[in-house]
């Protein structure tokens, strides 16, 4: 869950920076948020697939 938390933090930073006019900082934070979100999504999917193969409940 830590990656998702960091992705959300970067998303908030990019939204605030974009609203204040810091476009370069907003673009960088948005890219970091996207990368972390997709990394979290891939890890989540891998864990769910492994749990299905092991016949165990993940949640």
PDB file of N, CA and C in Angstrom:
ATOM      1  N   UNK A   1       0.812  -1.199   0.000  1.00  0.00           N
ATOM      2  CA  UNK A   1       0.000   0.000   0.000  1.00  0.00           C
ATOM      3  C   UNK A   1       0.854   1.260   0.000  1.00  0.00           C
ATOM      4  N   UNK A   2       2.118   1.108   0.273  1.00  0.00           N
ATOM      5  CA  UNK A   2       2.985   2.272   0.334  1.00  0.00           C
ATOM      6  C   UNK A   2       3.141   2.928  -1.038  1.00  0.00           C
ATOM      7  N   UNK A   3       3.232   2.116  -2.103  1.00  0.00           N
ATOM      8  CA  UNK A   3       3.360   2.683  -3.446  1.00  0.00           C
ATOM      9  C   UNK A   3       2.123   3.477  -3.813  1.00  0.00           C
ATOM     10  N   UNK A   4       0.956   2.971  -3.458  1.00  0.00           N
ATOM     11  CA  UNK A   4      -0.278   3.683  -3.756  1.00  0.00           C
ATOM     12  C   UNK A   4      -0.335   4.997  -2.988  1.00  0.00           C
ATOM     13  N   UNK A   5       0.140   4.981  -1.753  1.00  0.00           N
ATOM     14  CA  UNK A   5       0.160   6.208  -0.959  1.00  0.00           C
ATOM     15  C   UNK A   5       1.062   7.253  -1.602  1.00  0.00           C
ATOM     16  N   UNK A   6       2.236   6.828  -2.070  1.00  0.00           N
ATOM     17  CA  UNK A   6       3.157   7.764  -2.720  1.00  0.00           C
ATOM     18  C   UNK A   6       2.596   8.271  -4.039  1.00  0.00           C
ATOM     19  N   UNK A   7       1.886   7.408  -4.766  1.00  0.00           N
ATOM     20  CA  UNK A   7       1.263   7.838  -6.015  1.00  0.00           C
ATOM     21  C   UNK A   7       0.208   8.911  -5.749  1.00  0.00           C
ATOM     22  N   UNK A   8      -0.573   8.721  -4.701  1.00  0.00           N
ATOM     23  CA  UNK A   8      -1.588   9.719  -4.355  1.00  0.00           C
ATOM     24  C   UNK A   8      -0.956  11.021  -3.876  1.00  0.00           C
ATOM     25  N   UNK A   9       0.147  10.942  -3.133  1.00  0.00           N
ATOM     26  CA  UNK A   9       0.848  12.145  -2.692  1.00  0.00           C
ATOM     27  C   UNK A   9       1.385  12.921  -3.893  1.00  0.00           C
ATOM     28  N   UNK A  10       1.987  12.219  -4.850  1.00  0.00           N
ATOM     29  CA  UNK A  10       2.504  12.879  -6.049  1.00  0.00           C
ATOM     30  C   UNK A  10       1.375  13.477  -6.871  1.00  0.00           C
ATOM     31  N   UNK A  11       0.230  12.791  -6.912  1.00  0.00           N
ATOM     32  CA  UNK A  11      -0.925  13.329  -7.620  1.00  0.00           C
ATOM     33  C   UNK A  11      -1.387  14.635  -6.981  1.00  0.00           C
ATOM     34  N   UNK A  12      -1.468  14.665  -5.660  1.00  0.00           N
ATOM     35  CA  UNK A  12      -1.879  15.891  -4.974  1.00  0.00           C
ATOM     36  C   UNK A  12      -0.875  17.020  -5.187  1.00  0.00           C
ATOM     37  N   UNK A  13       0.415  16.704  -5.147  1.00  0.00           N
ATOM     38  CA  UNK A  13       1.443  17.712  -5.396  1.00  0.00           C
ATOM     39  C   UNK A  13       1.300  18.272  -6.800  1.00  0.00           C
ATOM     40  N   UNK A  14       1.053  17.395  -7.779  1.00  0.00           N
ATOM     41  CA  UNK A  14       0.923  17.869  -9.153  1.00  0.00           C
ATOM     42  C   UNK A  14      -0.320  18.734  -9.327  1.00  0.00           C
ATOM     43  N   UNK A  15      -1.421  18.399  -8.653  1.00  0.00           N
ATOM     44  CA  UNK A  15      -2.627  19.210  -8.751  1.00  0.00           C
ATOM     45  C   UNK A  15      -2.433  20.590  -8.133  1.00  0.00           C
ATOM     46  N   UNK A  16      -1.803  20.638  -6.969  1.00  0.00           N
ATOM     47  CA  UNK A  16      -1.550  21.925  -6.315  1.00  0.00           C
ATOM     48  C   UNK A  16      -0.560  22.755  -7.125  1.00  0.00           C
ATOM     49  N   UNK A  17       0.510  22.120  -7.611  1.00  0.00           N
ATOM     50  CA  UNK A  17       1.499  22.846  -8.399  1.00  0.00           C
ATOM     51  C   UNK A  17       0.896  23.340  -9.710  1.00  0.00           C
ATOM     52  N   UNK A  18       0.046  22.542 -10.319  1.00  0.00           N
ATOM     53  CA  UNK A  18      -0.615  22.973 -11.549  1.00  0.00           C
ATOM     54  C   UNK A  18      -1.556  24.139 -11.313  1.00  0.00           C
ATOM     55  N   UNK A  19      -2.256  24.125 -10.185  1.00  0.00           N
ATOM     56  CA  UNK A  19      -3.172  25.219  -9.860  1.00  0.00           C
ATOM     57  C   UNK A  19      -2.415  26.510  -9.576  1.00  0.00           C
ATOM     58  N   UNK A  20      -1.218  26.393  -9.034  1.00  0.00           N
ATOM     59  CA  UNK A  20      -0.424  27.585  -8.719  1.00  0.00           C
ATOM     60  C   UNK A  20       0.425  28.052  -9.887  1.00  0.00           C
ATOM     61  N   UNK A  21       0.440  27.297 -10.979  1.00  0.00           N
ATOM     62  CA  UNK A  21       1.157  27.735 -12.169  1.00  0.00           C
ATOM     63  C   UNK A  21       2.550  27.169 -12.327  1.00  0.00           C
ATOM     64  N   UNK A  22       2.953  26.256 -11.466  1.00  0.00           N
ATOM     65  CA  UNK A  22       4.270  25.627 -11.596  1.00  0.00           C
ATOM     66  C   UNK A  22       4.131  24.428 -12.530  1.00  0.00           C
ATOM     67  N   UNK A  23       4.091  24.680 -13.831  1.00  0.00           N
ATOM     68  CA  UNK A  23       3.771  23.625 -14.782  1.00  0.00           C
ATOM     69  C   UNK A  23       4.855  22.552 -14.861  1.00  0.00           C
ATOM     70  N   UNK A  24       6.119  22.932 -14.769  1.00  0.00           N
ATOM     71  CA  UNK A  24       7.189  21.941 -14.836  1.00  0.00           C
ATOM     72  C   UNK A  24       7.146  20.988 -13.655  1.00  0.00           C
ATOM     73  N   UNK A  25       6.950  21.527 -12.477  1.00  0.00           N
ATOM     74  CA  UNK A  25       6.856  20.703 -11.272  1.00  0.00           C
ATOM     75  C   UNK A  25       5.609  19.831 -11.315  1.00  0.00           C
ATOM     76  N   UNK A  26       4.513  20.378 -11.804  1.00  0.00           N
ATOM     77  CA  UNK A  26       3.269  19.615 -11.896  1.00  0.00           C
ATOM     78  C   UNK A  26       3.424  18.451 -12.869  1.00  0.00           C
ATOM     79  N   UNK A  27       4.085  18.694 -13.979  1.00  0.00           N
ATOM     80  CA  UNK A  27       4.284  17.633 -14.971  1.00  0.00           C
ATOM     81  C   UNK A  27       5.157  16.522 -14.400  1.00  0.00           C
ATOM     82  N   UNK A  28       6.204  16.886 -13.693  1.00  0.00           N
ATOM     83  CA  UNK A  28       7.091  15.885 -13.093  1.00  0.00           C
ATOM     84  C   UNK A  28       6.398  15.061 -12.027  1.00  0.00           C
ATOM     85  N   UNK A  29       5.640  15.712 -11.170  1.00  0.00           N
ATOM     86  CA  UNK A  29       4.929  14.992 -10.111  1.00  0.00           C
ATOM     87  C   UNK A  29       3.838  14.099 -10.698  1.00  0.00           C
ATOM     88  N   UNK A  30       3.192  14.547 -11.765  1.00  0.00           N
ATOM     89  CA  UNK A  30       2.159  13.731 -12.400  1.00  0.00           C
ATOM     90  C   UNK A  30       2.776  12.482 -13.032  1.00  0.00           C
ATOM     91  N   UNK A  31       3.939  12.625 -13.633  1.00  0.00           N
ATOM     92  CA  UNK A  31       4.623  11.462 -14.224  1.00  0.00           C
ATOM     93  C   UNK A  31       5.002  10.453 -13.145  1.00  0.00           C
ATOM     94  N   UNK A  32       5.521  10.944 -12.031  1.00  0.00           N
ATOM     95  CA  UNK A  32       5.882  10.050 -10.924  1.00  0.00           C
ATOM     96  C   UNK A  32       4.633   9.338 -10.397  1.00  0.00           C
ATOM     97  N   UNK A  33       3.535  10.073 -10.267  1.00  0.00           N
ATOM     98  CA  UNK A  33       2.292   9.480  -9.782  1.00  0.00           C
ATOM     99  C   UNK A  33       1.803   8.389 -10.729  1.00  0.00           C
ATOM    100  N   UNK A  34       1.896   8.633 -12.037  1.00  0.00           N
ATOM    101  CA  UNK A  34       1.473   7.623 -13.019  1.00  0.00           C
ATOM    102  C   UNK A  34       2.325   6.368 -12.927  1.00  0.00           C
ATOM    103  N   UNK A  35       3.628   6.548 -12.848  1.00  0.00           N
ATOM    104  CA  UNK A  35       4.542   5.407 -12.783  1.00  0.00           C
ATOM    105  C   UNK A  35       4.272   4.575 -11.532  1.00  0.00           C
ATOM    106  N   UNK A  36       4.157   5.239 -10.396  1.00  0.00           N
ATOM    107  CA  UNK A  36       3.918   4.516  -9.148  1.00  0.00           C
ATOM    108  C   UNK A  36       2.563   3.820  -9.149  1.00  0.00           C
ATOM    109  N   UNK A  37       1.549   4.471  -9.723  1.00  0.00           N
ATOM    110  CA  UNK A  37       0.222   3.859  -9.765  1.00  0.00           C
ATOM    111  C   UNK A  37       0.235   2.590 -10.610  1.00  0.00           C
ATOM    112  N   UNK A  38       0.840   2.654 -11.785  1.00  0.00           N
ATOM    113  CA  UNK A  38       0.864   1.476 -12.647  1.00  0.00           C
ATOM    114  C   UNK A  38       1.746   0.379 -12.061  1.00  0.00           C
ATOM    115  N   UNK A  39       2.815   0.747 -11.371  1.00  0.00           N
ATOM    116  CA  UNK A  39       3.639  -0.241 -10.698  1.00  0.00           C
ATOM    117  C   UNK A  39       2.835  -0.942  -9.602  1.00  0.00           C
ATOM    118  N   UNK A  40       2.082  -0.172  -8.831  1.00  0.00           N
ATOM    119  CA  UNK A  40       1.220  -0.742  -7.801  1.00  0.00           C
ATOM    120  C   UNK A  40       0.175  -1.662  -8.424  1.00  0.00           C
ATOM    121  N   UNK A  41      -0.404  -1.242  -9.548  1.00  0.00           N
ATOM    122  CA  UNK A  41      -1.418  -2.038 -10.221  1.00  0.00           C
ATOM    123  C   UNK A  41      -0.861  -3.375 -10.711  1.00  0.00           C
ATOM    124  N   UNK A  42       0.340  -3.356 -11.276  1.00  0.00           N
ATOM    125  CA  UNK A  42       0.968  -4.589 -11.755  1.00  0.00           C
ATOM    126  C   UNK A  42       1.258  -5.532 -10.590  1.00  0.00           C
ATOM    127  N   UNK A  43       1.791  -4.999  -9.502  1.00  0.00           N
ATOM    128  CA  UNK A  43       2.085  -5.833  -8.329  1.00  0.00           C
ATOM    129  C   UNK A  43       0.799  -6.430  -7.772  1.00  0.00           C
ATOM    130  N   UNK A  44      -0.270  -5.648  -7.728  1.00  0.00           N
ATOM    131  CA  UNK A  44      -1.553  -6.136  -7.238  1.00  0.00           C
ATOM    132  C   UNK A  44      -2.081  -7.274  -8.102  1.00  0.00           C
ATOM    133  N   UNK A  45      -2.007  -7.116  -9.417  1.00  0.00           N
ATOM    134  CA  UNK A  45      -2.492  -8.152 -10.327  1.00  0.00           C
ATOM    135  C   UNK A  45      -1.673  -9.431 -10.176  1.00  0.00           C
ATOM    136  N   UNK A  46      -0.362  -9.304 -10.037  1.00  0.00           N
ATOM    137  CA  UNK A  46       0.493 -10.479  -9.855  1.00  0.00           C
ATOM    138  C   UNK A  46       0.137 -11.199  -8.559  1.00  0.00           C
ATOM    139  N   UNK A  47      -0.097 -10.469  -7.496  1.00  0.00           N
ATOM    140  CA  UNK A  47      -0.447 -11.087  -6.216  1.00  0.00           C
ATOM    141  C   UNK A  47      -1.792 -11.796  -6.304  1.00  0.00           C
ATOM    142  N   UNK A  48      -2.754 -11.195  -6.975  1.00  0.00           N
ATOM    143  CA  UNK A  48      -4.067 -11.831  -7.125  1.00  0.00           C
ATOM    144  C   UNK A  48      -3.953 -13.110  -7.953  1.00  0.00           C
ATOM    145  N   UNK A  49      -3.183 -13.077  -9.038  1.00  0.00           N
ATOM    146  CA  UNK A  49      -3.011 -14.276  -9.869  1.00  0.00           C
ATOM    147  C   UNK A  49      -2.312 -15.380  -9.086  1.00  0.00           C
ATOM    148  N   UNK A  50      -1.276 -15.034  -8.342  1.00  0.00           N
ATOM    149  CA  UNK A  50      -0.584 -16.042  -7.537  1.00  0.00           C
ATOM    150  C   UNK A  50      -1.503 -16.632  -6.471  1.00  0.00           C
ATOM    151  N   UNK A  51      -2.344 -15.803  -5.889  1.00  0.00           N
ATOM    152  CA  UNK A  51      -3.275 -16.305  -4.879  1.00  0.00           C
ATOM    153  C   UNK A  51      -4.316 -17.227  -5.498  1.00  0.00           C
ATOM    154  N   UNK A  52      -4.741 -16.923  -6.714  1.00  0.00           N
ATOM    155  CA  UNK A  52      -5.723 -17.805  -7.378  1.00  0.00           C
ATOM    156  C   UNK A  52      -5.106 -19.154  -7.694  1.00  0.00           C
ATOM    157  N   UNK A  53      -3.843 -19.160  -8.093  1.00  0.00           N
ATOM    158  CA  UNK A  53      -3.173 -20.427  -8.368  1.00  0.00           C
ATOM    159  C   UNK A  53      -2.932 -21.224  -7.088  1.00  0.00           C
ATOM    160  N   UNK A  54      -2.792 -20.565  -5.970  1.00  0.00           N
ATOM    161  CA  UNK A  54      -2.577 -21.252  -4.704  1.00  0.00           C
ATOM    162  C   UNK A  54      -3.898 -21.617  -4.024  1.00  0.00           C
ATOM    163  N   UNK A  55      -5.006 -21.229  -4.641  1.00  0.00           N
ATOM    164  CA  UNK A  55      -6.349 -21.479  -4.080  1.00  0.00           C
ATOM    165  C   UNK A  55      -6.513 -20.901  -2.682  1.00  0.00           C
ATOM    166  N   UNK A  56      -6.025 -19.714  -2.492  1.00  0.00           N
ATOM    167  CA  UNK A  56      -6.174 -19.046  -1.215  1.00  0.00           C
ATOM    168  C   UNK A  56      -6.837 -17.694  -1.427  1.00  0.00           C
ATOM    169  N   UNK A  57      -7.507 -17.246  -0.402  1.00  0.00           N
ATOM    170  CA  UNK A  57      -8.183 -15.958  -0.450  1.00  0.00           C
ATOM    171  C   UNK A  57      -7.177 -14.854  -0.136  1.00  0.00           C
ATOM    172  N   UNK A  58      -7.146 -13.808  -0.961  1.00  0.00           N
ATOM    173  CA  UNK A  58      -6.195 -12.724  -0.752  1.00  0.00           C
ATOM    174  C   UNK A  58      -6.713 -11.761   0.294  1.00  0.00           C
ATOM    175  N   UNK A  59      -7.991 -11.491   0.264  1.00  0.00           N
ATOM    176  CA  UNK A  59      -8.537 -10.460   1.170  1.00  0.00           C
ATOM    177  C   UNK A  59      -9.148 -11.117   2.351  1.00  0.00           C
TER     178      UNK A  59
END
